Amino acid sequence: MTTQPITEQTAPRPVRELPPVMTLSEAAASRLRTLYAGANAGQLLRISVSTKGCSGHAYDMAFVPEAGEAGDERVTDKGVTVLIDRRAILFLIGSQMDYRTSDLESGFVFENPNEKGRCGCGQSFHV
């Protein structure tokens, strides 16, 4: 008794477009253009997520040479490029980085749909 292999032809599944790892607000892009044109010329902002703080994770940012580290994800939005540490990608998918100023402080902030909560001081988050 011989068995014939059964072959079915199925249409390939449509590829669903993934959300960008991160986007930049116009304010963040403008601030980065200023920084890249000044003291940080020839460098890129590298974003990572570290384990620290009372909620478990915190955003870390540092200017690094344009080459970055092996495996870094290059994200370009509004004509500005940032580097994302490959270990931080899953924490940041769908996030937007903004730049805000107030009377007492200014800086980059993240609107992250993956966050489930933040600590009381706002310096760390958990997913």
N, C-alpha and C. Protein backbone atom coordinates (compact mmCIF):
# COMPACT_ATOMS: atom_id res chain seq x y z
N MET A 1 0.84 -1.17 0.00
CA MET A 1 0.00 0.00 0.00
C MET A 1 0.90 1.25 0.00
N THR A 2 0.70 2.10 -0.97
CA THR A 2 1.50 3.32 -1.07
C THR A 2 0.63 4.52 -0.73
N THR A 3 1.27 5.47 -0.11
CA THR A 3 0.56 6.68 0.28
C THR A 3 1.04 7.83 -0.59
N GLN A 4 0.12 8.52 -1.15
CA GLN A 4 0.44 9.69 -1.97
C GLN A 4 0.41 10.93 -1.08
N PRO A 5 1.41 11.81 -1.18
CA PRO A 5 1.38 13.03 -0.38
C PRO A 5 0.23 13.93 -0.84
N ILE A 6 -0.38 14.52 0.12
CA ILE A 6 -1.48 15.43 -0.17
C ILE A 6 -0.90 16.83 -0.24
N THR A 7 -1.15 17.48 -1.32
CA THR A 7 -0.67 18.85 -1.46
C THR A 7 -1.87 19.75 -1.69
N GLU A 8 -1.87 20.81 -0.98
CA GLU A 8 -2.92 21.81 -1.16
C GLU A 8 -2.24 23.12 -1.53
N GLN A 9 -2.86 23.79 -2.40
CA GLN A 9 -2.34 25.11 -2.73
C GLN A 9 -3.19 26.13 -2.03
N THR A 10 -2.54 26.86 -1.19
CA THR A 10 -3.25 27.92 -0.48
C THR A 10 -2.60 29.24 -0.83
N ALA A 11 -3.41 30.24 -0.84
CA ALA A 11 -2.89 31.58 -1.12
C ALA A 11 -2.03 32.02 0.05
N PRO A 12 -0.94 32.68 -0.23
CA PRO A 12 -0.10 33.16 0.87
C PRO A 12 -0.88 34.15 1.73
N ARG A 13 -0.61 34.09 3.01
CA ARG A 13 -1.27 35.02 3.93
C ARG A 13 -0.85 36.44 3.62
N PRO A 14 -1.76 37.36 3.69
CA PRO A 14 -1.36 38.76 3.48
C PRO A 14 -0.45 39.20 4.62
N VAL A 15 0.55 39.95 4.28
CA VAL A 15 1.49 40.44 5.28
C VAL A 15 0.90 41.68 5.93
N ARG A 16 0.77 41.61 7.24
CA ARG A 16 0.23 42.75 7.98
C ARG A 16 1.36 43.71 8.30
N GLU A 17 1.16 44.96 8.03
CA GLU A 17 2.18 45.95 8.28
C GLU A 17 2.33 46.16 9.78
N LEU A 18 3.57 46.12 10.25
CA LEU A 18 3.85 46.32 11.67
C LEU A 18 3.88 47.81 11.98
N PRO A 19 3.48 48.16 13.20
CA PRO A 19 3.58 49.58 13.57
C PRO A 19 5.06 49.96 13.65
N PRO A 20 5.37 51.23 13.46
CA PRO A 20 6.77 51.64 13.59
C PRO A 20 7.24 51.42 15.02
N VAL A 21 8.51 51.18 15.17
CA VAL A 21 9.06 50.99 16.51
C VAL A 21 8.75 52.23 17.34
N MET A 22 8.98 53.41 16.75
CA MET A 22 8.75 54.65 17.46
C MET A 22 8.59 55.78 16.46
N THR A 23 7.81 56.77 16.81
CA THR A 23 7.68 57.97 16.00
C THR A 23 8.14 59.17 16.84
N LEU A 24 8.37 60.27 16.15
CA LEU A 24 8.77 61.51 16.82
C LEU A 24 7.70 62.56 16.61
N SER A 25 7.40 63.32 17.63
CA SER A 25 6.52 64.47 17.46
C SER A 25 7.31 65.54 16.72
N GLU A 26 6.63 66.53 16.20
CA GLU A 26 7.33 67.62 15.51
C GLU A 26 8.26 68.35 16.47
N ALA A 27 7.83 68.51 17.73
CA ALA A 27 8.68 69.19 18.72
C ALA A 27 9.95 68.39 18.99
N ALA A 28 9.85 67.07 19.09
CA ALA A 28 11.04 66.23 19.33
C ALA A 28 11.97 66.28 18.13
N ALA A 29 11.40 66.20 16.93
CA ALA A 29 12.23 66.24 15.72
C ALA A 29 12.95 67.58 15.62
N SER A 30 12.26 68.66 15.92
CA SER A 30 12.87 69.99 15.87
C SER A 30 14.01 70.12 16.88
N ARG A 31 13.78 69.64 18.10
CA ARG A 31 14.83 69.71 19.12
C ARG A 31 16.04 68.87 18.73
N LEU A 32 15.80 67.69 18.18
CA LEU A 32 16.92 66.84 17.75
C LEU A 32 17.69 67.47 16.60
N ARG A 33 17.00 68.11 15.66
CA ARG A 33 17.70 68.81 14.57
C ARG A 33 18.66 69.86 15.15
N THR A 34 18.18 70.59 16.15
CA THR A 34 19.01 71.62 16.79
C THR A 34 20.22 70.98 17.47
N LEU A 35 20.00 69.89 18.20
CA LEU A 35 21.10 69.22 18.90
C LEU A 35 22.11 68.62 17.92
N TYR A 36 21.59 68.01 16.84
CA TYR A 36 22.47 67.40 15.84
C TYR A 36 23.30 68.43 15.09
N ALA A 37 22.78 69.65 14.97
CA ALA A 37 23.50 70.70 14.25
C ALA A 37 24.51 71.42 15.14
N GLY A 38 24.37 71.25 16.46
CA GLY A 38 25.25 71.95 17.39
C GLY A 38 26.31 71.05 17.97
N ALA A 39 26.33 70.98 19.29
CA ALA A 39 27.37 70.25 20.02
C ALA A 39 27.38 68.75 19.73
N ASN A 40 26.28 68.20 19.25
CA ASN A 40 26.20 66.76 18.99
C ASN A 40 26.29 66.42 17.51
N ALA A 41 26.94 67.29 16.73
CA ALA A 41 27.12 67.02 15.30
C ALA A 41 27.93 65.73 15.14
N GLY A 42 27.51 64.89 14.20
CA GLY A 42 28.19 63.63 13.95
C GLY A 42 27.77 62.52 14.90
N GLN A 43 26.77 62.80 15.73
CA GLN A 43 26.27 61.81 16.68
C GLN A 43 24.78 61.60 16.47
N LEU A 44 24.26 60.51 17.03
CA LEU A 44 22.83 60.25 17.03
C LEU A 44 22.38 59.95 18.45
N LEU A 45 21.14 60.23 18.73
CA LEU A 45 20.56 59.88 20.03
C LEU A 45 20.26 58.39 20.03
N ARG A 46 20.73 57.68 21.05
CA ARG A 46 20.47 56.24 21.20
C ARG A 46 19.56 56.07 22.41
N ILE A 47 18.45 55.36 22.18
CA ILE A 47 17.45 55.15 23.23
C ILE A 47 17.48 53.69 23.64
N SER A 48 17.51 53.47 24.95
CA SER A 48 17.47 52.12 25.48
C SER A 48 16.54 52.11 26.69
N VAL A 49 16.25 50.92 27.17
CA VAL A 49 15.43 50.75 28.36
C VAL A 49 16.27 49.95 29.35
N SER A 50 16.43 50.49 30.55
CA SER A 50 17.24 49.80 31.56
C SER A 50 16.34 49.31 32.70
N THR A 51 16.88 48.40 33.46
CA THR A 51 16.16 47.89 34.63
C THR A 51 16.58 48.73 35.82
N LYS A 52 15.68 49.60 36.26
CA LYS A 52 15.95 50.43 37.43
C LYS A 52 14.68 51.14 37.85
N GLY A 53 14.74 51.80 38.96
CA GLY A 53 13.60 52.54 39.45
C GLY A 53 12.63 51.65 40.21
N CYS A 54 11.68 52.28 40.86
CA CYS A 54 10.75 51.51 41.69
C CYS A 54 9.71 50.75 40.87
N SER A 55 9.50 51.11 39.60
CA SER A 55 8.56 50.36 38.76
C SER A 55 9.23 49.33 37.88
N GLY A 56 10.54 49.34 37.80
CA GLY A 56 11.24 48.29 37.09
C GLY A 56 12.01 48.68 35.84
N HIS A 57 11.54 49.67 35.08
CA HIS A 57 12.21 50.05 33.83
C HIS A 57 12.28 51.57 33.71
N ALA A 58 13.31 52.03 33.02
CA ALA A 58 13.46 53.46 32.78
C ALA A 58 14.05 53.67 31.39
N TYR A 59 13.69 54.79 30.77
CA TYR A 59 14.25 55.15 29.48
C TYR A 59 15.63 55.75 29.69
N ASP A 60 16.58 55.33 28.89
CA ASP A 60 17.92 55.89 28.91
C ASP A 60 18.24 56.46 27.54
N MET A 61 18.84 57.63 27.51
CA MET A 61 19.21 58.26 26.25
C MET A 61 20.64 58.76 26.34
N ALA A 62 21.38 58.55 25.26
CA ALA A 62 22.77 59.00 25.20
C ALA A 62 23.13 59.29 23.76
N PHE A 63 23.98 60.28 23.56
CA PHE A 63 24.48 60.55 22.22
C PHE A 63 25.67 59.64 21.96
N VAL A 64 25.65 58.98 20.80
CA VAL A 64 26.70 58.04 20.42
C VAL A 64 27.16 58.36 18.99
N PRO A 65 28.32 57.85 18.59
CA PRO A 65 28.74 58.03 17.19
C PRO A 65 27.65 57.50 16.25
N GLU A 66 27.54 58.07 15.06
CA GLU A 66 26.48 57.71 14.12
C GLU A 66 26.38 56.23 13.83
N ALA A 67 27.48 55.50 13.92
CA ALA A 67 27.45 54.06 13.64
C ALA A 67 26.65 53.31 14.68
N GLY A 68 26.61 53.78 15.91
CA GLY A 68 25.88 53.10 16.97
C GLY A 68 26.51 51.74 17.27
N GLU A 69 25.72 50.87 17.87
CA GLU A 69 26.19 49.52 18.20
C GLU A 69 25.59 48.53 17.22
N ALA A 70 26.25 47.40 17.06
CA ALA A 70 25.73 46.35 16.17
C ALA A 70 24.35 45.94 16.66
N GLY A 71 23.41 45.86 15.75
CA GLY A 71 22.05 45.44 16.10
C GLY A 71 21.11 46.58 16.45
N ASP A 72 21.62 47.80 16.58
CA ASP A 72 20.73 48.93 16.85
C ASP A 72 19.77 49.12 15.68
N GLU A 73 18.54 49.47 15.98
CA GLU A 73 17.54 49.77 14.97
C GLU A 73 17.61 51.25 14.67
N ARG A 74 17.71 51.60 13.39
CA ARG A 74 17.70 53.01 12.98
C ARG A 74 16.27 53.40 12.66
N VAL A 75 15.77 54.40 13.34
CA VAL A 75 14.41 54.90 13.12
C VAL A 75 14.53 56.32 12.59
N THR A 76 13.96 56.54 11.41
CA THR A 76 13.96 57.88 10.83
C THR A 76 12.51 58.34 10.70
N ASP A 77 12.22 59.48 11.28
CA ASP A 77 10.88 60.06 11.23
C ASP A 77 11.03 61.56 11.12
N LYS A 78 10.26 62.17 10.25
CA LYS A 78 10.31 63.61 10.03
C LYS A 78 11.72 64.08 9.67
N GLY A 79 12.48 63.22 8.98
CA GLY A 79 13.81 63.56 8.53
C GLY A 79 14.89 63.48 9.60
N VAL A 80 14.56 62.94 10.77
CA VAL A 80 15.51 62.84 11.88
C VAL A 80 15.68 61.37 12.24
N THR A 81 16.93 60.96 12.48
CA THR A 81 17.23 59.56 12.81
C THR A 81 17.64 59.43 14.26
N VAL A 82 17.11 58.40 14.91
CA VAL A 82 17.53 58.00 16.25
C VAL A 82 17.86 56.51 16.20
N LEU A 83 18.64 56.06 17.16
CA LEU A 83 18.98 54.65 17.27
C LEU A 83 18.22 54.05 18.45
N ILE A 84 17.74 52.82 18.26
CA ILE A 84 17.04 52.11 19.33
C ILE A 84 17.83 50.86 19.65
N ASP A 85 18.18 50.69 20.91
CA ASP A 85 18.84 49.47 21.37
C ASP A 85 17.94 48.29 21.04
N ARG A 86 18.49 47.26 20.42
CA ARG A 86 17.66 46.13 19.98
C ARG A 86 16.94 45.47 21.15
N ARG A 87 17.50 45.54 22.37
CA ARG A 87 16.83 44.95 23.53
C ARG A 87 15.65 45.79 24.00
N ALA A 88 15.53 47.02 23.52
CA ALA A 88 14.45 47.91 23.94
C ALA A 88 13.28 47.92 22.96
N ILE A 89 13.44 47.31 21.80
CA ILE A 89 12.42 47.39 20.75
C ILE A 89 11.06 46.92 21.24
N LEU A 90 11.00 45.78 21.91
CA LEU A 90 9.70 45.27 22.36
C LEU A 90 9.02 46.18 23.36
N PHE A 91 9.80 46.94 24.14
CA PHE A 91 9.21 47.88 25.09
C PHE A 91 8.68 49.14 24.41
N LEU A 92 9.23 49.46 23.23
CA LEU A 92 8.95 50.75 22.59
C LEU A 92 8.00 50.69 21.40
N ILE A 93 7.63 49.52 20.92
CA ILE A 93 6.80 49.43 19.71
C ILE A 93 5.55 50.29 19.87
N GLY A 94 5.36 51.18 18.92
CA GLY A 94 4.18 52.05 18.90
C GLY A 94 4.32 53.32 19.72
N SER A 95 5.48 53.57 20.31
CA SER A 95 5.68 54.75 21.16
C SER A 95 5.90 56.01 20.33
N GLN A 96 5.64 57.14 20.97
CA GLN A 96 5.99 58.42 20.37
C GLN A 96 6.86 59.18 21.36
N MET A 97 7.96 59.73 20.85
CA MET A 97 8.83 60.57 21.67
C MET A 97 8.45 62.02 21.39
N ASP A 98 8.26 62.78 22.46
CA ASP A 98 7.88 64.17 22.35
C ASP A 98 8.92 65.00 23.11
N TYR A 99 8.93 66.31 22.85
CA TYR A 99 9.78 67.23 23.60
C TYR A 99 8.87 68.28 24.18
N ARG A 100 8.91 68.42 25.50
CA ARG A 100 8.03 69.37 26.18
C ARG A 100 8.83 70.33 27.03
N THR A 101 8.33 71.55 27.10
CA THR A 101 8.95 72.56 27.95
C THR A 101 7.88 73.13 28.87
N SER A 102 8.30 73.45 30.07
CA SER A 102 7.41 74.13 31.03
C SER A 102 8.24 75.18 31.75
N ASP A 103 7.64 75.85 32.71
CA ASP A 103 8.36 76.89 33.44
C ASP A 103 9.56 76.34 34.21
N LEU A 104 9.48 75.09 34.66
CA LEU A 104 10.53 74.55 35.52
C LEU A 104 11.42 73.49 34.88
N GLU A 105 10.99 72.92 33.77
CA GLU A 105 11.81 71.87 33.16
C GLU A 105 11.49 71.71 31.68
N SER A 106 12.39 71.06 31.00
CA SER A 106 12.17 70.70 29.60
C SER A 106 12.88 69.39 29.34
N GLY A 107 12.35 68.62 28.38
CA GLY A 107 13.00 67.36 28.07
C GLY A 107 12.15 66.46 27.20
N PHE A 108 12.75 65.35 26.81
CA PHE A 108 12.05 64.36 26.00
C PHE A 108 11.17 63.49 26.90
N VAL A 109 9.98 63.21 26.44
CA VAL A 109 9.05 62.34 27.15
C VAL A 109 8.51 61.30 26.17
N PHE A 110 8.06 60.18 26.70
CA PHE A 110 7.57 59.09 25.87
C PHE A 110 6.10 58.83 26.14
N GLU A 111 5.33 58.74 25.06
CA GLU A 111 3.94 58.29 25.13
C GLU A 111 3.99 56.85 24.65
N ASN A 112 3.93 55.91 25.61
CA ASN A 112 4.16 54.50 25.30
C ASN A 112 2.91 53.68 25.59
N PRO A 113 2.26 53.13 24.55
CA PRO A 113 1.05 52.34 24.77
C PRO A 113 1.31 51.02 25.49
N ASN A 114 2.57 50.62 25.62
CA ASN A 114 2.91 49.36 26.29
C ASN A 114 3.02 49.52 27.80
N GLU A 115 3.12 50.74 28.28
CA GLU A 115 3.24 50.97 29.72
C GLU A 115 1.94 50.59 30.41
N LYS A 116 2.06 49.87 31.51
CA LYS A 116 0.90 49.51 32.32
C LYS A 116 0.80 50.39 33.55
N GLY A 117 1.89 51.08 33.89
CA GLY A 117 1.88 51.97 35.03
C GLY A 117 3.23 52.63 35.20
N ARG A 118 3.24 53.67 36.03
CA ARG A 118 4.47 54.41 36.35
C ARG A 118 4.58 54.54 37.86
N CYS A 119 5.80 54.77 38.30
CA CYS A 119 6.00 55.00 39.73
C CYS A 119 5.48 56.40 40.08
N GLY A 120 5.38 56.69 41.35
CA GLY A 120 4.85 57.98 41.81
C GLY A 120 5.65 59.18 41.34
N CYS A 121 6.96 59.02 41.23
CA CYS A 121 7.78 60.17 40.80
C CYS A 121 7.84 60.29 39.28
N GLY A 122 7.34 59.28 38.55
CA GLY A 122 7.30 59.35 37.10
C GLY A 122 8.60 59.00 36.39
N GLN A 123 9.61 58.53 37.12
CA GLN A 123 10.90 58.25 36.52
C GLN A 123 11.02 56.84 35.97
N SER A 124 10.15 55.93 36.37
CA SER A 124 10.23 54.55 35.87
C SER A 124 8.84 54.04 35.54
N PHE A 125 8.79 52.94 34.79
CA PHE A 125 7.52 52.39 34.35
C PHE A 125 7.59 50.87 34.36
N HIS A 126 6.41 50.24 34.23
CA HIS A 126 6.37 48.78 34.07
C HIS A 126 5.43 48.43 32.93
N VAL A 127 5.69 47.27 32.34
CA VAL A 127 4.87 46.79 31.21
C VAL A 127 4.17 45.51 31.60
